[in-house]
N, C-alpha and C. Protein backbone atom coordinates (compact mmCIF):
# COMPACT_ATOMS: atom_id res chain seq x y z
N GLU A 1 4.98 0.90 -14.02
CA GLU A 1 5.25 -0.37 -14.68
C GLU A 1 4.85 -0.24 -16.15
N PRO A 2 5.71 -0.55 -17.07
CA PRO A 2 5.42 -0.32 -18.49
C PRO A 2 4.31 -1.21 -19.05
N HIS A 3 4.05 -2.35 -18.46
CA HIS A 3 3.04 -3.26 -18.99
C HIS A 3 1.66 -3.02 -18.36
N VAL A 4 1.54 -2.05 -17.47
CA VAL A 4 0.25 -1.75 -16.84
C VAL A 4 -0.36 -0.55 -17.54
N TRP A 5 -1.64 -0.62 -17.86
CA TRP A 5 -2.30 0.49 -18.52
C TRP A 5 -3.57 0.83 -17.76
N ALA A 6 -3.93 2.09 -17.80
CA ALA A 6 -5.17 2.54 -17.16
C ALA A 6 -5.45 3.96 -17.61
N THR A 7 -6.66 4.40 -17.37
CA THR A 7 -7.04 5.76 -17.73
C THR A 7 -7.52 6.55 -16.53
N LEU A 8 -7.13 6.15 -15.33
CA LEU A 8 -7.54 6.87 -14.13
C LEU A 8 -6.86 8.23 -14.09
N THR A 9 -7.61 9.24 -13.70
CA THR A 9 -7.03 10.57 -13.53
C THR A 9 -7.02 11.00 -12.08
N ASN A 10 -7.75 10.32 -11.22
CA ASN A 10 -7.81 10.63 -9.79
C ASN A 10 -7.02 9.57 -9.04
N PRO A 11 -5.86 9.91 -8.44
CA PRO A 11 -5.05 8.88 -7.76
C PRO A 11 -5.73 8.28 -6.54
N ASP A 12 -6.77 8.92 -6.00
CA ASP A 12 -7.45 8.39 -4.83
C ASP A 12 -8.72 7.61 -5.19
N ALA A 13 -8.94 7.37 -6.46
CA ALA A 13 -10.15 6.68 -6.90
C ALA A 13 -10.11 5.21 -6.51
N VAL A 14 -11.29 4.66 -6.23
CA VAL A 14 -11.40 3.21 -6.07
C VAL A 14 -11.17 2.63 -7.46
N ILE A 15 -10.21 1.71 -7.59
CA ILE A 15 -9.82 1.24 -8.92
C ILE A 15 -10.51 -0.05 -9.34
N PHE A 16 -11.15 -0.71 -8.42
CA PHE A 16 -11.85 -1.94 -8.78
C PHE A 16 -13.04 -2.10 -7.85
N ARG A 17 -14.17 -2.42 -8.40
CA ARG A 17 -15.35 -2.63 -7.58
C ARG A 17 -16.21 -3.69 -8.27
N ASP A 18 -16.61 -4.68 -7.53
CA ASP A 18 -17.60 -5.62 -8.03
C ASP A 18 -18.59 -5.85 -6.90
N ASN A 19 -19.37 -6.87 -6.98
CA ASN A 19 -20.41 -7.09 -5.97
C ASN A 19 -19.86 -7.39 -4.59
N ASP A 20 -18.64 -7.89 -4.51
CA ASP A 20 -18.12 -8.34 -3.24
C ASP A 20 -16.86 -7.63 -2.75
N PHE A 21 -16.06 -7.04 -3.64
CA PHE A 21 -14.75 -6.52 -3.25
C PHE A 21 -14.52 -5.10 -3.76
N GLU A 22 -13.65 -4.38 -3.05
CA GLU A 22 -13.20 -3.06 -3.47
C GLU A 22 -11.68 -3.02 -3.36
N THR A 23 -11.06 -2.26 -4.24
CA THR A 23 -9.61 -2.10 -4.26
C THR A 23 -9.28 -0.64 -4.50
N PHE A 24 -8.31 -0.11 -3.76
CA PHE A 24 -7.86 1.26 -4.01
C PHE A 24 -6.38 1.38 -3.67
N ILE A 25 -5.77 2.47 -4.13
CA ILE A 25 -4.33 2.70 -3.97
C ILE A 25 -4.10 3.82 -2.98
N VAL A 26 -3.05 3.65 -2.16
CA VAL A 26 -2.62 4.70 -1.24
C VAL A 26 -1.14 4.95 -1.49
N ASP A 27 -0.80 6.18 -1.90
CA ASP A 27 0.61 6.57 -2.00
C ASP A 27 1.10 6.91 -0.61
N ILE A 28 2.25 6.35 -0.22
CA ILE A 28 2.74 6.57 1.14
C ILE A 28 4.09 7.29 1.10
N PRO A 29 4.35 8.11 2.12
CA PRO A 29 5.63 8.82 2.17
C PRO A 29 6.77 7.88 2.55
N GLN A 30 7.98 8.38 2.41
CA GLN A 30 9.17 7.62 2.79
C GLN A 30 9.07 7.20 4.26
N VAL A 31 9.54 5.99 4.56
CA VAL A 31 9.52 5.48 5.93
C VAL A 31 10.95 5.29 6.44
N THR A 32 11.10 5.30 7.76
CA THR A 32 12.42 5.09 8.36
C THR A 32 12.53 3.75 9.07
N ASN A 33 11.39 3.15 9.42
CA ASN A 33 11.40 1.92 10.19
C ASN A 33 10.44 0.90 9.57
N PRO A 34 10.96 -0.03 8.75
CA PRO A 34 10.08 -1.02 8.10
C PRO A 34 9.30 -1.89 9.08
N GLU A 35 9.89 -2.24 10.21
CA GLU A 35 9.18 -3.08 11.18
C GLU A 35 7.98 -2.33 11.77
N ALA A 36 8.16 -1.06 12.06
CA ALA A 36 7.05 -0.25 12.59
C ALA A 36 5.95 -0.11 11.54
N LEU A 37 6.34 0.05 10.27
CA LEU A 37 5.35 0.13 9.19
C LEU A 37 4.53 -1.15 9.13
N ALA A 38 5.18 -2.31 9.18
CA ALA A 38 4.47 -3.59 9.13
C ALA A 38 3.51 -3.73 10.30
N LYS A 39 3.94 -3.36 11.49
CA LYS A 39 3.08 -3.46 12.68
C LYS A 39 1.85 -2.56 12.53
N LYS A 40 2.09 -1.35 12.08
CA LYS A 40 0.97 -0.42 11.95
C LYS A 40 0.02 -0.82 10.82
N LEU A 41 0.55 -1.39 9.73
CA LEU A 41 -0.33 -1.89 8.67
C LEU A 41 -1.18 -3.04 9.17
N ALA A 42 -0.63 -3.89 10.03
CA ALA A 42 -1.41 -4.97 10.64
C ALA A 42 -2.53 -4.38 11.49
N ASP A 43 -2.24 -3.31 12.22
CA ASP A 43 -3.27 -2.65 13.04
C ASP A 43 -4.38 -2.07 12.17
N VAL A 44 -4.00 -1.45 11.04
CA VAL A 44 -4.99 -0.90 10.11
C VAL A 44 -5.85 -2.03 9.54
N ALA A 45 -5.21 -3.13 9.16
CA ALA A 45 -5.94 -4.27 8.60
C ALA A 45 -6.95 -4.81 9.60
N GLN A 46 -6.57 -4.88 10.86
CA GLN A 46 -7.49 -5.37 11.89
C GLN A 46 -8.64 -4.38 12.10
N ALA A 47 -8.33 -3.11 12.18
CA ALA A 47 -9.35 -2.10 12.46
C ALA A 47 -10.38 -1.99 11.34
N HIS A 48 -9.97 -2.30 10.11
CA HIS A 48 -10.86 -2.09 8.96
C HIS A 48 -11.18 -3.38 8.19
N ASP A 49 -10.86 -4.52 8.75
CA ASP A 49 -11.14 -5.80 8.07
C ASP A 49 -10.60 -5.85 6.65
N ILE A 50 -9.37 -5.40 6.47
CA ILE A 50 -8.72 -5.45 5.16
C ILE A 50 -8.33 -6.90 4.87
N LEU A 51 -8.63 -7.37 3.67
CA LEU A 51 -8.29 -8.73 3.30
C LEU A 51 -6.85 -8.84 2.83
N ARG A 52 -6.39 -7.83 2.06
CA ARG A 52 -5.08 -7.92 1.43
C ARG A 52 -4.50 -6.53 1.27
N VAL A 53 -3.20 -6.41 1.47
CA VAL A 53 -2.47 -5.19 1.17
C VAL A 53 -1.18 -5.61 0.48
N LYS A 54 -0.82 -4.90 -0.58
CA LYS A 54 0.42 -5.22 -1.28
C LYS A 54 0.95 -3.95 -1.91
N GLY A 55 2.25 -3.92 -2.10
CA GLY A 55 2.86 -2.76 -2.71
C GLY A 55 4.31 -2.65 -2.30
N PHE A 56 4.78 -1.40 -2.21
CA PHE A 56 6.17 -1.19 -1.86
C PHE A 56 6.33 0.14 -1.16
N ALA A 57 7.46 0.29 -0.47
CA ALA A 57 7.75 1.51 0.28
C ALA A 57 9.17 1.96 -0.03
N ASP A 58 9.37 3.26 0.10
CA ASP A 58 10.70 3.86 0.01
C ASP A 58 11.21 3.99 1.43
N VAL A 59 12.30 3.30 1.75
CA VAL A 59 12.89 3.34 3.08
C VAL A 59 14.10 4.26 3.06
N ALA A 60 14.11 5.22 3.96
CA ALA A 60 15.20 6.20 4.03
C ALA A 60 16.55 5.48 4.17
N GLY A 61 17.49 5.91 3.36
CA GLY A 61 18.85 5.37 3.44
C GLY A 61 19.05 4.03 2.76
N LYS A 62 18.02 3.48 2.12
CA LYS A 62 18.13 2.18 1.44
C LYS A 62 18.01 2.37 -0.07
N PRO A 63 18.86 1.73 -0.85
CA PRO A 63 18.79 1.88 -2.30
C PRO A 63 17.75 0.97 -2.96
N MET A 64 17.10 0.10 -2.17
CA MET A 64 16.16 -0.86 -2.73
C MET A 64 14.74 -0.59 -2.26
N ARG A 65 13.77 -1.04 -3.07
CA ARG A 65 12.35 -0.95 -2.70
C ARG A 65 12.06 -1.99 -1.62
N LEU A 66 11.19 -1.64 -0.70
CA LEU A 66 10.70 -2.59 0.28
C LEU A 66 9.38 -3.13 -0.24
N LEU A 67 9.36 -4.39 -0.64
CA LEU A 67 8.15 -5.04 -1.12
C LEU A 67 7.31 -5.43 0.09
N ILE A 68 6.01 -5.13 0.05
CA ILE A 68 5.11 -5.41 1.17
C ILE A 68 3.99 -6.31 0.66
N GLN A 69 3.74 -7.39 1.39
CA GLN A 69 2.66 -8.33 1.09
C GLN A 69 1.92 -8.61 2.39
N GLY A 70 0.62 -8.48 2.38
CA GLY A 70 -0.14 -8.77 3.58
C GLY A 70 -1.45 -9.47 3.28
N VAL A 71 -1.78 -10.43 4.12
CA VAL A 71 -3.08 -11.08 4.09
C VAL A 71 -3.65 -10.91 5.48
N GLY A 72 -4.75 -10.17 5.57
CA GLY A 72 -5.28 -9.85 6.90
C GLY A 72 -4.21 -9.10 7.68
N GLN A 73 -3.98 -9.54 8.90
CA GLN A 73 -3.00 -8.89 9.77
C GLN A 73 -1.58 -9.44 9.61
N ARG A 74 -1.40 -10.43 8.74
CA ARG A 74 -0.08 -11.02 8.53
C ARG A 74 0.65 -10.22 7.44
N ILE A 75 1.56 -9.38 7.86
CA ILE A 75 2.29 -8.51 6.94
C ILE A 75 3.74 -9.01 6.84
N GLN A 76 4.22 -9.19 5.61
CA GLN A 76 5.61 -9.57 5.37
C GLN A 76 6.23 -8.55 4.43
N SER A 77 7.54 -8.38 4.55
CA SER A 77 8.23 -7.46 3.65
C SER A 77 9.67 -7.91 3.44
N HIS A 78 10.22 -7.51 2.31
CA HIS A 78 11.62 -7.73 2.00
C HIS A 78 12.02 -6.76 0.90
N PHE A 79 13.32 -6.49 0.81
CA PHE A 79 13.81 -5.62 -0.25
C PHE A 79 13.90 -6.44 -1.53
N ASP A 80 13.22 -5.98 -2.59
CA ASP A 80 13.13 -6.81 -3.80
C ASP A 80 14.08 -6.40 -4.91
N ARG A 81 14.31 -5.10 -5.09
CA ARG A 81 15.20 -4.68 -6.16
C ARG A 81 15.60 -3.24 -5.94
N PRO A 82 16.71 -2.81 -6.56
CA PRO A 82 17.08 -1.40 -6.46
C PRO A 82 16.06 -0.52 -7.17
N TRP A 83 15.91 0.69 -6.68
CA TRP A 83 15.10 1.67 -7.39
C TRP A 83 15.80 1.98 -8.71
N ARG A 84 15.04 2.05 -9.78
CA ARG A 84 15.61 2.40 -11.08
C ARG A 84 15.81 3.91 -11.15
N ALA A 85 16.79 4.33 -11.91
CA ALA A 85 17.09 5.76 -12.05
C ALA A 85 15.92 6.51 -12.68
N ASP A 86 15.09 5.83 -13.49
CA ASP A 86 14.00 6.50 -14.19
C ASP A 86 12.66 6.43 -13.44
N GLU A 87 12.65 5.95 -12.19
CA GLU A 87 11.39 5.89 -11.45
C GLU A 87 11.46 6.73 -10.19
N ALA A 88 10.33 7.30 -9.84
CA ALA A 88 10.25 8.10 -8.61
C ALA A 88 10.29 7.16 -7.41
N ARG A 89 10.98 7.58 -6.38
CA ARG A 89 11.02 6.79 -5.14
C ARG A 89 9.76 7.12 -4.35
N GLN A 90 8.66 6.52 -4.76
CA GLN A 90 7.35 6.76 -4.16
C GLN A 90 6.76 5.44 -3.71
N GLY A 91 6.43 5.34 -2.43
CA GLY A 91 5.77 4.15 -1.93
C GLY A 91 4.32 4.13 -2.35
N ARG A 92 3.81 2.93 -2.58
CA ARG A 92 2.42 2.79 -3.03
C ARG A 92 1.88 1.45 -2.53
N LEU A 93 0.69 1.49 -1.96
CA LEU A 93 0.04 0.28 -1.47
C LEU A 93 -1.30 0.09 -2.17
N VAL A 94 -1.63 -1.15 -2.48
CA VAL A 94 -2.94 -1.52 -2.98
C VAL A 94 -3.67 -2.19 -1.82
N VAL A 95 -4.86 -1.70 -1.52
CA VAL A 95 -5.67 -2.21 -0.42
C VAL A 95 -6.88 -2.91 -1.00
N ILE A 96 -7.15 -4.14 -0.53
CA ILE A 96 -8.26 -4.94 -1.04
C ILE A 96 -9.10 -5.40 0.14
N GLY A 97 -10.40 -5.24 0.00
CA GLY A 97 -11.31 -5.70 1.05
C GLY A 97 -12.70 -5.92 0.51
N GLU A 98 -13.58 -6.34 1.39
CA GLU A 98 -14.96 -6.56 0.99
C GLU A 98 -15.65 -5.23 0.76
N LYS A 99 -16.69 -5.25 -0.05
CA LYS A 99 -17.45 -4.05 -0.38
C LYS A 99 -17.85 -3.32 0.90
N GLY A 100 -17.72 -2.00 0.85
CA GLY A 100 -18.08 -1.18 2.01
C GLY A 100 -16.87 -0.71 2.80
N LEU A 101 -15.67 -0.92 2.27
CA LEU A 101 -14.47 -0.43 2.96
C LEU A 101 -14.57 1.07 3.17
N ASP A 102 -14.05 1.53 4.28
CA ASP A 102 -13.94 2.96 4.57
C ASP A 102 -12.61 3.44 3.99
N ALA A 103 -12.59 3.67 2.67
CA ALA A 103 -11.34 4.01 1.99
C ALA A 103 -10.72 5.28 2.58
N ASP A 104 -11.53 6.28 2.87
CA ASP A 104 -10.98 7.53 3.43
C ASP A 104 -10.39 7.29 4.81
N GLY A 105 -11.07 6.52 5.65
CA GLY A 105 -10.57 6.21 6.99
C GLY A 105 -9.29 5.39 6.94
N ILE A 106 -9.25 4.42 6.04
CA ILE A 106 -8.05 3.58 5.89
C ILE A 106 -6.89 4.44 5.40
N ARG A 107 -7.16 5.27 4.40
CA ARG A 107 -6.11 6.15 3.86
C ARG A 107 -5.57 7.07 4.96
N ARG A 108 -6.46 7.66 5.76
CA ARG A 108 -6.03 8.54 6.86
C ARG A 108 -5.16 7.78 7.86
N MET A 109 -5.58 6.57 8.21
CA MET A 109 -4.82 5.77 9.18
C MET A 109 -3.44 5.41 8.64
N ILE A 110 -3.37 5.01 7.37
CA ILE A 110 -2.09 4.65 6.78
C ILE A 110 -1.18 5.87 6.70
N LEU A 111 -1.71 6.99 6.27
CA LEU A 111 -0.88 8.19 6.14
C LEU A 111 -0.46 8.78 7.47
N ALA A 112 -1.15 8.41 8.55
CA ALA A 112 -0.76 8.86 9.89
C ALA A 112 0.36 8.01 10.45
N LEU A 113 0.79 6.99 9.72
CA LEU A 113 1.82 6.08 10.21
C LEU A 113 3.18 6.74 10.32
N GLY A 114 3.43 7.76 9.50
CA GLY A 114 4.74 8.39 9.48
C GLY A 114 5.06 9.09 10.75
């Protein structure tokens, strides 16, 4: 996104931390079944007490990004716009939860979804 700036060099770094919350990013591979992805993200949210998940996924055979929004175990998704020619078709999720999240465990669970 052209209006977003940051100086992070480690893509697996926790990107926000305060006294109560932590946020980190998980890059996800292409998916073939959006409904299965939503179900499994709900399972991850329940297992790890995730408060919020948001981002997008690359769905095989679809020219548009799948926008993902979740609060707790309630995951919703819809295709929001076509992938631009100048952007990589890479799914990315932002995970938000209370301090003490098991970021490595959550990342492993999400990446095992494929």
